[in-house]
Protein backbone atom coordinates (compact mmCIF):
# COMPACT_ATOMS: atom_id res chain seq x y z
CA UNK A 1 0.00 0.00 0.00
CA UNK A 2 1.40 3.40 -1.02
CA UNK A 3 1.68 5.99 1.78
CA UNK A 4 0.69 9.48 0.71
CA UNK A 5 3.31 12.19 1.27
CA UNK A 6 6.12 9.75 2.12
CA UNK A 7 8.98 8.35 0.01
CA UNK A 8 11.87 5.97 0.61
CA UNK A 9 15.56 6.92 0.63
CA UNK A 10 15.71 6.77 -3.19
CA UNK A 11 12.70 9.03 -3.67
CA UNK A 12 10.27 6.27 -4.58
CA UNK A 13 6.78 6.20 -3.00
CA UNK A 14 6.95 4.57 0.46
CA UNK A 15 5.01 1.35 1.00
CA UNK A 16 3.39 0.43 4.28
CA UNK A 17 4.61 -3.18 4.06
CA UNK A 18 8.25 -2.23 3.42
CA UNK A 19 8.88 1.10 5.09
CA UNK A 20 8.40 2.65 8.49
CA UNK A 21 6.52 1.14 11.40
CA UNK A 22 7.77 -0.21 14.71
CA UNK A 23 11.10 -1.59 13.46
CA UNK A 24 12.39 1.74 12.18
CA UNK A 25 11.10 3.53 15.30
CA UNK A 26 13.03 1.08 17.49
CA UNK A 27 16.21 1.84 15.52
CA UNK A 28 15.66 5.57 16.00
CA UNK A 29 15.07 5.09 19.72
CA UNK A 30 18.18 2.94 20.06
CA UNK A 31 20.26 5.56 18.29
CA UNK A 32 18.77 8.21 20.59
CA UNK A 33 19.82 6.16 23.64
CA UNK A 34 23.45 6.15 22.49
CA UNK A 35 23.33 9.86 21.58
CA UNK A 36 22.15 10.76 25.08
CA UNK A 37 24.73 8.42 26.56
CA UNK A 38 27.39 10.37 24.64
CA UNK A 39 26.27 13.88 25.57
CA UNK A 40 24.30 14.13 28.80
CA UNK A 41 27.42 13.85 30.94
CA UNK A 42 28.63 17.08 29.34
CA UNK A 43 25.68 19.00 30.76
CA UNK A 44 26.64 18.16 34.35
CA UNK A 45 30.38 17.50 34.32
CA UNK A 46 31.73 19.99 31.79
CA UNK A 47 32.18 22.70 34.42
CA UNK A 48 34.56 20.40 36.27
CA UNK A 49 36.53 19.92 33.04
CA UNK A 50 36.68 23.67 32.44
CA UNK A 51 38.01 24.29 35.94
CA UNK A 52 40.28 21.29 36.50
CA UNK A 53 41.79 20.90 33.02
CA UNK A 54 41.33 24.19 31.16
CA UNK A 55 41.78 26.29 34.34
CA UNK A 56 38.88 28.72 33.91
CA UNK A 57 37.57 30.21 37.14
CA UNK A 58 34.24 29.02 38.53
CA UNK A 59 32.04 31.86 37.23
CA UNK A 60 33.54 31.72 33.72
CA UNK A 61 33.18 27.94 33.67
CA UNK A 62 29.52 28.20 34.56
CA UNK A 63 28.99 30.81 31.85
CA UNK A 64 30.79 28.73 29.21
CA UNK A 65 28.50 25.80 30.00
CA UNK A 66 25.30 27.85 29.91
CA UNK A 67 26.36 29.46 26.62
CA UNK A 68 27.04 25.99 25.21
CA UNK A 69 23.66 24.66 26.37
CA UNK A 70 21.78 27.77 25.24
CA UNK A 71 23.33 27.63 21.78
CA UNK A 72 22.31 24.00 21.44
CA UNK A 73 18.68 24.81 22.18
CA UNK A 74 18.42 27.98 20.09
CA UNK A 75 19.89 26.19 17.05
CA UNK A 76 16.96 23.74 17.21
CA UNK A 77 14.78 26.39 15.59
CA UNK A 78 17.23 26.96 12.75
CA UNK A 79 17.71 23.25 12.05
CA UNK A 80 13.95 22.58 12.23
CA UNK A 81 13.36 25.25 9.60
CA UNK A 82 16.20 23.93 7.46
CA UNK A 83 14.93 20.34 7.72
CA UNK A 84 11.31 21.19 6.89
CA UNK A 85 12.17 23.51 4.02
CA UNK A 86 15.35 22.32 2.29
CA UNK A 87 17.13 19.13 3.38
CA UNK A 88 14.46 16.94 4.97
CA UNK A 89 14.25 15.46 8.47
CA UNK A 90 16.11 12.23 7.73
CA UNK A 91 19.04 14.07 6.14
CA UNK A 92 19.06 16.60 8.97
CA UNK A 93 19.25 13.73 11.48
CA UNK A 94 22.19 12.00 9.76
CA UNK A 95 24.11 15.23 9.10
CA UNK A 96 23.59 16.43 12.69
CA UNK A 97 24.73 13.12 14.16
CA UNK A 98 27.90 13.25 12.04
CA UNK A 99 28.65 16.83 13.14
CA UNK A 100 28.16 15.86 16.77
CA UNK A 101 30.51 12.88 16.34
CA UNK A 102 33.25 15.14 14.92
CA UNK A 103 32.84 17.55 17.84
CA UNK A 104 33.17 14.82 20.48
CA UNK A 105 36.14 13.28 18.65
CA UNK A 106 37.95 16.64 18.65
CA UNK A 107 37.19 17.08 22.35
CA UNK A 108 38.63 13.62 22.99
CA UNK A 109 41.82 14.40 21.06
CA UNK A 110 42.36 17.61 23.01
CA UNK A 111 41.85 15.85 26.34
CA UNK A 112 44.37 13.16 25.33
CA UNK A 113 47.31 15.11 23.92
CA UNK A 114 49.18 17.29 26.48
CA UNK A 115 50.24 19.79 23.79
CA UNK A 116 46.57 20.71 23.17
CA UNK A 117 45.77 21.76 26.76
CA UNK A 118 47.40 23.71 29.62
CA UNK A 119 50.00 22.04 31.89
CA UNK A 120 48.58 19.98 34.76
CA UNK A 121 47.90 22.20 37.76
CA UNK A 122 45.59 22.20 40.81
CA UNK A 123 43.60 25.40 40.36
CA UNK A 124 42.09 25.04 43.86
CA UNK A 125 45.54 25.49 45.40
CA UNK A 126 45.78 29.25 46.15
CA UNK A 127 49.58 29.11 45.74
CA UNK A 128 49.46 27.48 42.32
CA UNK A 129 49.99 29.61 39.23
CA UNK A 130 47.78 27.76 36.77
CA UNK A 131 47.85 28.66 33.09
CA UNK A 132 44.46 29.07 31.43
CA UNK A 133 43.89 27.57 27.99
CA UNK A 134 44.45 30.15 25.26
CA UNK A 135 45.27 30.68 21.60
CA UNK A 136 44.77 27.83 19.16
CA UNK A 137 44.00 25.37 21.97
CA UNK A 138 41.20 27.63 23.21
CA UNK A 139 39.82 27.82 19.67
CA UNK A 140 39.93 24.02 19.38
CA UNK A 141 38.00 23.69 22.65
CA UNK A 142 35.17 25.98 21.62
CA UNK A 143 35.00 24.70 18.03
CA UNK A 144 34.58 21.20 19.46
CA UNK A 145 31.88 22.30 21.89
CA UNK A 146 29.82 24.24 19.38
CA UNK A 147 30.02 21.44 16.83
CA UNK A 148 28.51 19.24 19.55
CA UNK A 149 25.87 21.90 20.26
CA UNK A 150 24.96 22.16 16.57
CA UNK A 151 24.76 18.39 16.17
CA UNK A 152 22.67 17.90 19.31
CA UNK A 153 20.32 20.67 18.17
CA UNK A 154 19.76 18.92 14.86
CA UNK A 155 18.94 15.63 16.56
CA UNK A 156 16.54 17.27 19.05
CA UNK A 157 14.66 19.03 16.26
CA UNK A 158 14.58 16.28 13.64
CA UNK A 159 14.46 12.91 15.43
CA UNK A 160 11.00 13.26 17.12
CA UNK A 161 9.30 14.43 13.91
CA UNK A 162 11.18 11.88 11.77
CA UNK A 163 10.13 9.18 14.21
CA UNK A 164 6.50 10.29 13.94
CA UNK A 165 6.85 10.13 10.13
CA UNK A 166 7.29 6.36 10.45
CA UNK A 167 3.59 6.03 11.31
CA UNK A 168 0.43 6.90 9.40
CA UNK A 169 -1.72 8.89 11.80
CA UNK A 170 -4.74 8.26 9.56
CA UNK A 171 -4.49 4.58 10.47
CA UNK A 172 -5.85 4.10 14.04
CA UNK A 173 -3.44 1.24 14.80
CA UNK A 174 -0.42 3.15 13.59
CA UNK A 175 -1.61 6.28 15.40
CA UNK A 176 -1.54 4.32 18.68
CA UNK A 177 1.97 3.13 17.87
CA UNK A 178 3.03 6.73 17.24
CA UNK A 179 1.76 7.59 20.71
CA UNK A 180 3.91 4.80 22.12
CA UNK A 181 6.90 6.11 20.17
CA UNK A 182 6.74 9.44 22.00
CA UNK A 183 6.42 7.70 25.35
CA UNK A 184 9.42 5.51 24.58
CA UNK A 185 11.29 8.59 23.38
CA UNK A 186 11.22 9.87 26.97
CA UNK A 187 12.31 6.44 28.17
CA UNK A 188 15.22 6.44 25.68
CA UNK A 189 16.26 9.84 27.02
CA UNK A 190 16.23 8.50 30.58
CA UNK A 191 18.08 5.28 29.70
CA UNK A 192 20.84 7.05 27.78
CA UNK A 193 21.08 9.71 30.46
CA UNK A 194 21.31 7.10 33.20
CA UNK A 195 24.32 5.44 31.57
CA UNK A 196 25.91 8.81 30.85
CA UNK A 197 25.47 10.12 34.40
CA UNK A 198 26.88 6.95 35.94
CA UNK A 199 29.32 5.09 33.70
CA UNK A 200 30.59 7.97 31.55
CA UNK A 201 30.91 10.41 34.47
CA UNK A 202 32.70 7.78 36.56
CA UNK A 203 35.17 7.10 33.74
CA UNK A 204 35.79 10.83 33.31
CA UNK A 205 36.48 11.35 37.00
CA UNK A 206 38.44 8.15 37.69
CA UNK A 207 40.12 7.01 34.45
CA UNK A 208 40.69 10.35 32.78
CA UNK A 209 38.84 12.84 30.64
CA UNK A 210 40.25 11.38 27.43
CA UNK A 211 38.85 7.96 28.34
CA UNK A 212 35.48 9.49 29.24
CA UNK A 213 35.23 11.54 26.06
CA UNK A 214 36.49 8.53 24.12
CA UNK A 215 33.62 6.46 25.50
CA UNK A 216 31.23 9.20 24.37
CA UNK A 217 32.84 9.14 20.90
CA UNK A 218 32.25 5.40 20.62
CA UNK A 219 28.63 5.82 21.77
CA UNK A 220 28.06 8.56 19.18
CA UNK A 221 29.60 6.40 16.45
CA UNK A 222 27.23 3.56 17.35
CA UNK A 223 24.35 6.03 17.23
CA UNK A 224 25.27 7.00 13.65
CA UNK A 225 25.61 3.35 12.62
CA UNK A 226 22.11 2.62 13.96
CA UNK A 227 20.60 5.68 12.26
CA UNK A 228 22.20 4.73 8.92
CA UNK A 229 21.11 1.08 9.27
CA UNK A 230 17.49 2.18 9.12
CA UNK A 231 17.91 4.37 6.04
CA UNK A 232 16.54 1.81 3.49
CA UNK A 233 13.48 1.27 5.71
CA UNK A 234 12.59 4.87 6.60
CA UNK A 235 9.44 6.61 5.49
CA UNK A 236 10.81 10.01 4.51
CA UNK A 237 8.61 13.09 4.62
CA UNK A 238 8.46 14.93 1.31
CA UNK A 239 9.91 18.44 1.55
CA UNK A 240 7.19 21.02 0.90
CA UNK A 241 9.57 23.91 0.26
CA UNK A 242 7.97 26.05 2.95
CA UNK A 243 8.24 26.26 6.71
CA UNK A 244 5.64 27.44 9.26
CA UNK A 245 8.37 29.53 10.90
CA UNK A 246 9.14 31.30 7.63
CA UNK A 247 5.43 31.85 6.96
CA UNK A 248 5.00 33.42 10.41
CA UNK A 249 7.95 35.76 9.79
CA UNK A 250 6.44 36.71 6.44
CA UNK A 251 3.32 37.96 8.23
CA UNK A 252 5.29 40.23 10.54
CA UNK A 253 7.38 41.58 7.66
CA UNK A 254 4.34 42.15 5.43
CA UNK A 255 2.40 43.82 8.25
CA UNK A 256 5.32 46.19 8.86
CA UNK A 257 5.69 46.98 5.16
CA UNK A 258 1.95 47.65 4.87
CA UNK A 259 1.74 49.61 8.13
CA UNK A 260 0.56 52.79 6.40
CA UNK A 261 -2.33 51.09 4.60
CA UNK A 262 -5.90 51.35 5.85
CA UNK A 263 -7.65 48.17 6.92
CA UNK A 264 -10.86 47.32 5.03
CA UNK A 265 -14.06 47.65 7.03
CA UNK A 266 -15.12 44.12 6.11
CA UNK A 267 -12.55 41.36 6.92
CA UNK A 268 -13.91 39.39 3.97
CA UNK A 269 -11.93 41.77 1.76
CA UNK A 270 -8.65 40.47 3.23
CA UNK A 271 -6.69 38.04 1.05
CA UNK A 272 -7.32 34.30 1.21
CA UNK A 273 -6.84 31.64 -1.45
CA UNK A 274 -9.94 30.18 -3.04
CA UNK A 275 -11.17 27.40 -0.76
CA UNK A 276 -13.05 25.43 -3.41
CA UNK A 277 -10.15 25.39 -5.89
CA UNK A 278 -7.24 24.84 -3.51
CA UNK A 279 -8.59 22.65 -0.73
CA UNK A 280 -9.31 19.76 -3.06
CA UNK A 281 -5.82 19.65 -4.52
CA UNK A 282 -3.45 20.40 -1.65
CA UNK A 283 -3.36 19.85 2.10
CA UNK A 284 -4.38 23.39 2.97
CA UNK A 285 -5.66 24.72 6.28
CA UNK A 286 -8.24 27.51 6.49
CA UNK A 287 -8.75 29.53 9.67
CA UNK A 288 -11.48 32.14 10.25
CA UNK A 289 -10.59 35.77 10.85
CA UNK A 290 -10.56 36.91 14.51
CA UNK A 291 -11.02 40.51 15.57
CA UNK A 292 -7.82 40.64 17.67
CA UNK A 293 -4.36 42.07 17.01
CA UNK A 294 -5.81 43.86 14.00
CA UNK A 295 -2.48 45.48 13.08
CA UNK A 296 -1.34 42.10 11.74
CA UNK A 297 -4.32 42.05 9.37
CA UNK A 298 -2.45 44.60 7.26
CA UNK A 299 -0.31 41.71 6.00
CA UNK A 300 -3.42 40.45 4.14
CA UNK A 301 -4.40 43.71 2.46
CA UNK A 302 -4.56 43.27 -1.32
CA UNK A 303 -3.05 46.25 -3.18
CA UNK A 304 -2.41 45.12 -6.74
CA UNK A 305 -1.87 42.00 -8.80
CA UNK A 306 1.92 42.31 -8.51
CA UNK A 307 1.85 41.81 -4.76
CA UNK A 308 -0.10 38.58 -5.16
CA UNK A 309 3.10 36.69 -5.96
CA UNK A 310 5.23 38.21 -3.15
CA UNK A 311 4.64 36.40 0.18
CA UNK A 312 6.68 39.09 1.98
CA UNK A 313 4.08 41.72 1.01
CA UNK A 314 0.83 39.74 0.99
CA UNK A 315 -0.15 36.83 3.24
CA UNK A 316 -3.24 34.67 3.60
CA UNK A 317 -5.73 35.27 6.42
CA UNK A 318 -4.84 31.82 7.75
CA UNK A 319 -1.16 32.81 7.92
CA UNK A 320 -2.12 35.98 9.78
CA UNK A 321 -4.23 34.03 12.29
CA UNK A 322 -1.31 31.68 12.94
CA UNK A 323 0.92 34.70 13.55
CA UNK A 324 -1.67 36.11 15.97
CA UNK A 325 -1.63 32.82 17.86
CA UNK A 326 2.15 33.06 18.26
CA UNK A 327 1.86 36.52 19.85
CA UNK A 328 -0.79 35.37 22.34
CA UNK A 329 1.70 32.82 23.68
CA UNK A 330 4.52 35.31 24.23
CA UNK A 331 3.65 36.10 27.90
CA UNK A 332 3.43 32.40 28.81
CA UNK A 333 6.64 31.76 26.87
CA UNK A 334 8.53 34.52 28.71
CA UNK A 335 7.43 33.26 32.13
CA UNK A 336 9.01 29.87 31.42
CA UNK A 337 12.49 31.33 30.90
CA UNK A 338 13.25 31.85 34.61
CA UNK A 339 12.83 28.13 35.33
CA UNK A 340 15.63 27.21 32.94
CA UNK A 341 17.72 29.91 34.62
CA UNK A 342 17.30 27.91 37.83
CA UNK A 343 18.07 24.63 36.06
CA UNK A 344 21.38 26.07 34.85
CA UNK A 345 22.54 26.52 38.44
CA UNK A 346 21.91 22.86 39.25
CA UNK A 347 24.16 21.91 36.32
CA UNK A 348 26.94 24.29 37.33
CA UNK A 349 27.26 25.61 40.89
CA UNK A 350 25.45 22.71 42.56
CA UNK A 351 27.87 20.22 40.99
CA UNK A 352 30.75 22.32 42.34
CA UNK A 353 29.15 22.23 45.78
CA UNK A 354 29.22 18.46 45.56
CA UNK A 355 32.96 18.47 44.84
CA UNK A 356 33.60 20.00 48.27
CA UNK A 357 31.50 17.41 50.12
CA UNK A 358 31.91 13.80 51.25
CA UNK A 359 31.17 11.63 48.22
CA UNK A 360 31.66 8.29 50.00
CA UNK A 361 29.01 5.75 49.10
CA UNK A 362 30.82 2.71 50.52
CA UNK A 363 34.29 2.26 52.00
CA UNK A 364 35.71 1.56 48.56
CA UNK A 365 33.47 3.61 46.26
CA UNK A 366 32.86 7.35 45.91
CA UNK A 367 29.94 8.72 43.91
CA UNK A 368 30.90 11.51 41.49
CA UNK A 369 28.82 14.65 42.22
CA UNK A 370 27.90 14.88 38.53
CA UNK A 371 26.14 11.52 38.95
CA UNK A 372 23.70 12.91 41.54
CA UNK A 373 21.13 13.96 38.85
CA UNK A 374 20.60 10.24 38.17
CA UNK A 375 18.52 10.09 41.34
CA UNK A 376 15.75 12.46 40.19
CA UNK A 377 15.80 10.77 36.77
CA UNK A 378 15.10 7.40 38.40
CA UNK A 379 12.52 9.11 40.59
CA UNK A 380 10.83 10.58 37.49
CA UNK A 381 10.76 7.20 35.76
CA UNK A 382 8.69 5.99 38.72
CA UNK A 383 6.70 9.18 39.29
CA UNK A 384 5.51 9.81 35.72
CA UNK A 385 3.42 6.60 35.39
CA UNK A 386 2.16 7.05 38.98
CA UNK A 387 1.07 10.59 38.15
CA UNK A 388 -0.46 9.55 34.83
CA UNK A 389 -2.25 6.40 36.02
CA UNK A 390 -3.16 7.22 39.63
CA UNK A 391 -3.08 10.94 40.39
CA UNK A 392 -4.65 12.20 37.15
CA UNK A 393 -7.73 9.91 37.41
CA UNK A 394 -8.09 10.88 41.09
CA UNK A 395 -7.87 14.62 40.40
CA UNK A 396 -10.16 14.22 37.38
CA UNK A 397 -12.98 13.17 39.72
CA UNK A 398 -12.89 16.60 41.35
CA UNK A 399 -12.07 18.80 38.34
CA UNK A 400 -13.79 16.87 35.51
CA UNK A 401 -10.81 17.88 33.35
CA UNK A 402 -9.37 15.16 31.05
CA UNK A 403 -5.80 15.75 32.30
CA UNK A 404 -6.75 16.33 35.94
CA UNK A 405 -5.58 19.93 35.95
CA UNK A 406 -5.24 22.27 32.99
CA UNK A 407 -1.94 22.66 31.18
CA UNK A 408 -1.41 26.15 32.61
CA UNK A 409 -2.18 24.97 36.14
CA UNK A 410 0.37 22.22 35.67
CA UNK A 411 2.97 24.75 34.53
CA UNK A 412 2.18 26.94 37.53
CA UNK A 413 2.79 24.07 39.96
CA UNK A 414 6.20 23.53 38.38
CA UNK A 415 7.11 27.22 38.66
CA UNK A 416 6.31 27.20 42.38
CA UNK A 417 8.37 24.04 42.91
CA UNK A 418 11.35 25.57 41.09
CA UNK A 419 11.27 28.48 43.57
CA UNK A 420 11.17 25.99 46.46
CA UNK A 421 14.10 24.12 44.89
CA UNK A 422 16.24 27.27 44.81
CA UNK A 423 15.29 28.16 48.40
CA UNK A 424 16.23 24.64 49.46
CA UNK A 425 19.56 24.96 47.64
CA UNK A 426 20.24 28.19 49.55
CA UNK A 427 19.52 26.51 52.91
CA UNK A 428 21.77 23.55 52.06
CA UNK A 429 24.56 25.96 51.09
CA UNK A 430 24.23 27.78 54.45
CA UNK A 431 24.63 24.45 56.21
CA UNK A 432 27.63 23.50 54.04
CA UNK A 433 29.44 26.78 54.73
CA UNK A 434 28.72 26.51 58.47
CA UNK A 435 30.27 23.05 58.58
CA UNK A 436 33.33 24.38 56.71
CA UNK A 437 33.77 27.15 59.31
CA UNK A 438 33.16 24.89 62.31
CA UNK A 439 35.80 22.42 61.09
CA UNK A 440 38.34 25.10 60.07
CA UNK A 441 38.09 23.96 56.47
CA UNK A 442 37.30 27.25 54.75
CA UNK A 443 40.44 26.88 52.65
CA UNK A 444 40.05 23.13 52.11
CA UNK A 445 40.92 21.86 48.62
CA UNK A 446 37.84 20.29 46.94
CA UNK A 447 37.95 16.52 46.35
CA UNK A 448 41.26 16.17 48.26
CA UNK A 449 39.85 17.57 51.52
CA UNK A 450 36.09 16.86 51.58
CA UNK A 451 33.89 18.43 54.20
CA UNK A 452 32.28 16.10 56.78
CA UNK A 453 28.91 16.52 55.04
CA UNK A 454 27.39 13.97 52.68
CA UNK A 455 27.00 14.92 49.03
CA UNK A 456 23.47 13.50 49.23
CA UNK A 457 22.35 16.75 50.88
CA UNK A 458 22.25 18.34 47.43
CA UNK A 459 19.79 15.70 46.24
CA UNK A 460 16.99 17.66 47.91
CA UNK A 461 17.13 20.48 45.36
CA UNK A 462 17.49 17.97 42.53
CA UNK A 463 14.44 15.99 43.67
CA UNK A 464 12.23 19.06 44.00
CA UNK A 465 13.35 20.42 40.66
CA UNK A 466 12.84 17.01 39.05
CA UNK A 467 9.16 17.14 40.01
CA UNK A 468 9.00 20.74 38.78
CA UNK A 469 10.45 19.50 35.48
CA UNK A 470 7.68 16.97 35.05
CA UNK A 471 5.00 19.59 35.64
CA UNK A 472 6.36 22.62 33.81
CA UNK A 473 8.26 21.34 30.77
CA UNK A 474 5.82 18.57 29.88
CA UNK A 475 2.92 20.91 30.66
CA UNK A 476 4.37 23.58 28.36
CA UNK A 477 4.90 21.06 25.57
CA UNK A 478 1.28 19.90 25.81
CA UNK A 479 -0.01 23.47 26.11
CA UNK A 480 1.84 24.78 23.06
CA UNK A 481 0.91 21.72 21.02
CA UNK A 482 -2.76 21.56 22.02
CA UNK A 483 -3.43 25.27 21.50
CA UNK A 484 -1.58 25.54 18.18
CA UNK A 485 -3.61 25.52 14.96
CA UNK A 486 -2.75 22.69 12.61
CA UNK A 487 -0.47 24.86 10.49
CA UNK A 488 1.96 25.58 13.33
CA UNK A 489 1.82 22.35 15.36
CA UNK A 490 5.07 21.17 13.80
CA UNK A 491 6.91 24.18 15.22
CA UNK A 492 5.17 24.23 18.62
CA UNK A 493 8.05 22.45 20.41
CA UNK A 494 10.34 25.29 19.27
CA UNK A 495 8.72 27.43 21.95
CA UNK A 496 10.05 25.11 24.63
CA UNK A 497 13.55 24.90 23.13
CA UNK A 498 13.63 28.68 22.71
CA UNK A 499 12.65 29.36 26.31
CA UNK A 500 15.33 26.97 27.52
CA UNK A 501 17.94 28.62 25.31
CA UNK A 502 17.07 32.08 26.61
CA UNK A 503 17.17 30.75 30.18
CA UNK A 504 20.72 29.50 29.72
CA UNK A 505 21.84 32.76 28.10
CA UNK A 506 20.14 34.75 30.86
CA UNK A 507 22.09 32.72 33.42
CA UNK A 508 25.34 33.85 31.82
CA UNK A 509 24.22 37.48 31.98
CA UNK A 510 22.91 37.22 35.54
CA UNK A 511 26.14 35.71 36.91
CA UNK A 512 28.17 38.55 35.39
CA UNK A 513 25.75 41.25 36.58
CA UNK A 514 25.60 39.85 40.13
CA UNK A 515 29.38 39.73 40.37
CA UNK A 516 29.65 43.27 38.99
CA UNK A 517 27.10 44.70 41.44
CA UNK A 518 28.43 42.86 44.51
CA UNK A 519 32.13 43.29 43.70
CA UNK A 520 32.67 46.24 46.02
CA UNK A 521 30.44 44.92 48.80
CA UNK A 522 32.08 41.56 49.48
CA UNK A 523 35.55 40.48 50.55
CA UNK A 524 35.58 37.78 47.89
CA UNK A 525 35.14 40.35 45.11
CA UNK A 526 31.57 39.28 44.29
CA UNK A 527 28.99 36.73 45.37
CA UNK A 528 30.27 34.21 42.83
CA UNK A 529 33.87 35.39 42.36
CA UNK A 530 36.88 33.10 42.74
CA UNK A 531 37.05 29.33 42.99
CA UNK A 532 36.50 28.92 46.74
CA UNK A 533 32.82 28.31 47.39
CA UNK A 534 33.44 28.53 51.14
CA UNK A 535 34.32 32.22 50.80
CA UNK A 536 31.76 33.41 48.29
CA UNK A 537 28.00 33.90 48.72
CA UNK A 538 26.37 31.21 46.61
CA UNK A 539 23.57 30.92 49.20
CA UNK A 540 22.54 34.54 48.55
CA UNK A 541 22.54 33.86 44.80
CA UNK A 542 20.21 30.91 45.33
CA UNK A 543 17.87 33.04 47.45
CA UNK A 544 17.94 35.71 44.72
CA UNK A 545 16.83 33.08 42.21
CA UNK A 546 14.09 31.92 44.58
CA UNK A 547 12.86 35.52 44.83
CA UNK A 548 12.97 35.97 41.05
CA UNK A 549 11.06 32.70 40.66
CA UNK A 550 8.31 33.89 43.02
CA UNK A 551 8.00 37.21 41.16
CA UNK A 552 7.96 35.29 37.88
CA UNK A 553 5.16 33.08 39.19
CA UNK A 554 3.06 36.11 40.16
CA UNK A 555 3.50 37.55 36.66
CA UNK A 556 2.65 34.15 35.20
CA UNK A 557 -0.47 34.00 37.40
CA UNK A 558 -1.62 37.34 36.02
CA UNK A 559 -1.30 36.33 32.37
CA UNK A 560 -2.36 32.67 32.68
CA UNK A 561 -5.56 33.60 34.54
CA UNK A 562 -6.50 35.80 31.59
CA UNK A 563 -5.67 33.28 28.90
CA UNK A 564 -8.74 31.78 27.26
CA UNK A 565 -8.39 28.17 26.16
CA UNK A 566 -9.85 27.18 22.86
CA UNK A 567 -12.86 25.14 24.10
CA UNK A 568 -13.16 23.72 20.61
CA UNK A 569 -10.49 23.54 17.93
CA UNK A 570 -10.26 26.35 15.41
CA UNK A 571 -11.02 23.71 12.84
CA UNK A 572 -14.48 23.34 14.37
CA UNK A 573 -15.02 27.06 13.96
CA UNK A 574 -14.19 26.63 10.30
CA UNK A 575 -16.71 23.81 10.11
CA UNK A 576 -19.41 26.09 11.45
CA UNK A 577 -18.24 28.78 9.05
CA UNK A 578 -18.47 26.50 6.03
CA UNK A 579 -20.74 23.50 6.55
CA UNK A 580 -19.79 22.08 3.16
CA UNK A 581 -16.38 21.11 4.56
CA UNK A 582 -17.79 19.36 7.65
CA UNK A 583 -16.42 15.94 6.88
CA UNK A 584 -12.96 17.29 6.21
CA UNK A 585 -12.93 19.22 9.50
CA UNK A 586 -14.09 16.17 11.45
CA UNK A 587 -11.17 14.23 10.08
CA UNK A 588 -8.76 17.03 11.05
CA UNK A 589 -10.08 17.00 14.59
CA UNK A 590 -9.57 13.26 14.83
CA UNK A 591 -6.01 13.66 13.53
CA UNK A 592 -5.37 16.39 16.11
CA UNK A 593 -6.60 14.13 18.91
CA UNK A 594 -4.03 11.54 17.86
CA UNK A 595 -1.32 14.22 17.70
CA UNK A 596 -2.16 15.52 21.15
CA UNK A 597 -2.20 12.02 22.60
CA UNK A 598 1.21 11.34 21.13
CA UNK A 599 2.95 13.94 23.27
CA UNK A 600 1.31 12.99 26.57
CA UNK A 601 4.23 11.55 28.52
C-alpha cells in the first residue's frame, strides 16, 4: 500500500509493508539512547573539566556551559526550519549526528594530547599559578563544543518528527503506535542519560577525561551506525519547500511593510486563497478571521496583482491568524524562561558544591557529584506513570478535566516548585558553609579535603526540581501543542527549546551582573567570584533566584488567569463557518486528537 506524502531513501513512494513502522522507530530510539549516553554527561560535568583541566575560574566555567547549552537549544529552531524547508528530516538527522561525532572526537583528542591543553595544575591550590587555555588550543576547545551543540540541536529538532513520520496517523493502529513512540522517546532519554550520568561520568572522573570523552565518541559512532542502518526502511517526509516559521515571519514583515495602509471595514476583503479550488488539490488549512491584534491584518491587504506573488508583502488570512496565535503565547513563553535559569545553576554551581562534600558511598566507592542527577531521573521514571495512572484519574474526579488539571495549572505548579528548589539549595549551602567554618576547612581543597557533610544533601534540590520538570516542561509542551492551529503544530516544540535557550543565556548574563554589582560589597570580590565556594555567597545567589522565581510566578499567574483556552479547535469554527467542509474538519479533529495524545508523557 502506497503511503501518501512519504517516500523511501531513493525518492520512490513509500510502501506500508516495506517502510516505516515499529522496526524503524526502534532503531531511531536505540540511536537516541546512544546519543544521550554520549552527551548528557557534558551537561553536568563539563564545568569540572573547564576548571580542573582548562583552568577557567568558577564563574567563567559556569557561563561557558550555559552558553554551550543555550546555543544548542536555540539552534533547534534553525535546524527545524532547514529540515522542513530544504534538506528533509532524515538528512538533517544524519548530518547532525555526524557533526556531533566530529565535535566529540575533537574534544577527545584535546583531552588526550598534552600539547593541546594547559599544563597539569591544581587550580584550587591558592599558591598554584595555573595557566588558562588560550590561543589555538582555546579555539579548538570551543570549536569542538559548538560542533557538539549544533549536532545535538539537529537531533533534538529532527528525530522526534522523523520518528513520527514512520507512522500513518490516519491509520488508528499506527496512530496508537506513534503515541507509544513518544512515550518511549522519553524512556530512551532517561536510559541514555542514566548510563551517561553513571558510567561515563565515573570514567571521566576516575580514568581520565580522554577515556570518558572517548567512551562518548564510541557511543556517538554507534548512534550514527544505527541511524544509517534504518535508512533503506525509513518513510521520509516529502519536503514542501515552505516552513511554518518562515510563513510566520512573512506575516510580521508584510504587516510592517503595509503599516501605512488602511484596513478594510469588512474582513472578507482580506486576502485568502480560493477554498473550493485549492482545498481539493493540496493539504491546505483555512482559519477564520478573529477581531484581535488587527495590526497584523495589514499583512493580508490586497493592493495590486503584482503583490499577489510576493509572500513578503501579501499573506493569507490563515497565515495571519497563525501569527496572531504566536503573539498570544509570548507572555506564557517569557514566564518559562526563569525556570531554565534555575536549572542552569543545578548543572553548574550545585555540581561544584558536591565536589567540596563527602562523596563516599561505601568504604571503597565514591559517587561523582555529577552523577547525583541520576537520582531524580530514576525518581521521574517511577513518578511519571504514577502521576499519569493514579493521580490524574483521582484529580479528574474533582475537576472533571481530562488531564486532571489544565496545562497552565500544571505549569504553575512547576514554577512554584522551582522556587522551592532554589530556596532549598540556599539553605543547604548555608549548612555547608557553616560546617566548613566549624571544622576550620574554609580553605580546604575540593575533592582532596572533603567536608564532613554527605553529598546527598544536594539531592533535595534535585528531587524538587525534578518534580518541577515533570509539571512545567511537559505541561508547556502539551499546552503549546494543544493550542496551536494545525499549520503551526510542527513548530510548537520550538517554543520550549527557545525558552530553555534564553534561560541559559540569561544565566550567563545574571552571573556577570551579580558579580559586577556585589564586587565592592564583598571580601571575595563578588557573590560568585573566585574558585573557593566557602568564601563566596552562593547561598545569597540561590535566594535571589528563589525571589525571582516567586516574582515570575506572580507575573505568570496574572497572564495565565487571563488566557482563554480554545474550548473547541479552530477547525471546528471553520466547520461552522463553512458546513460544506464538515467531513474534512471532522477528520482534522480526529487527527489532532491523535497528535495531542502522542505527546502525553
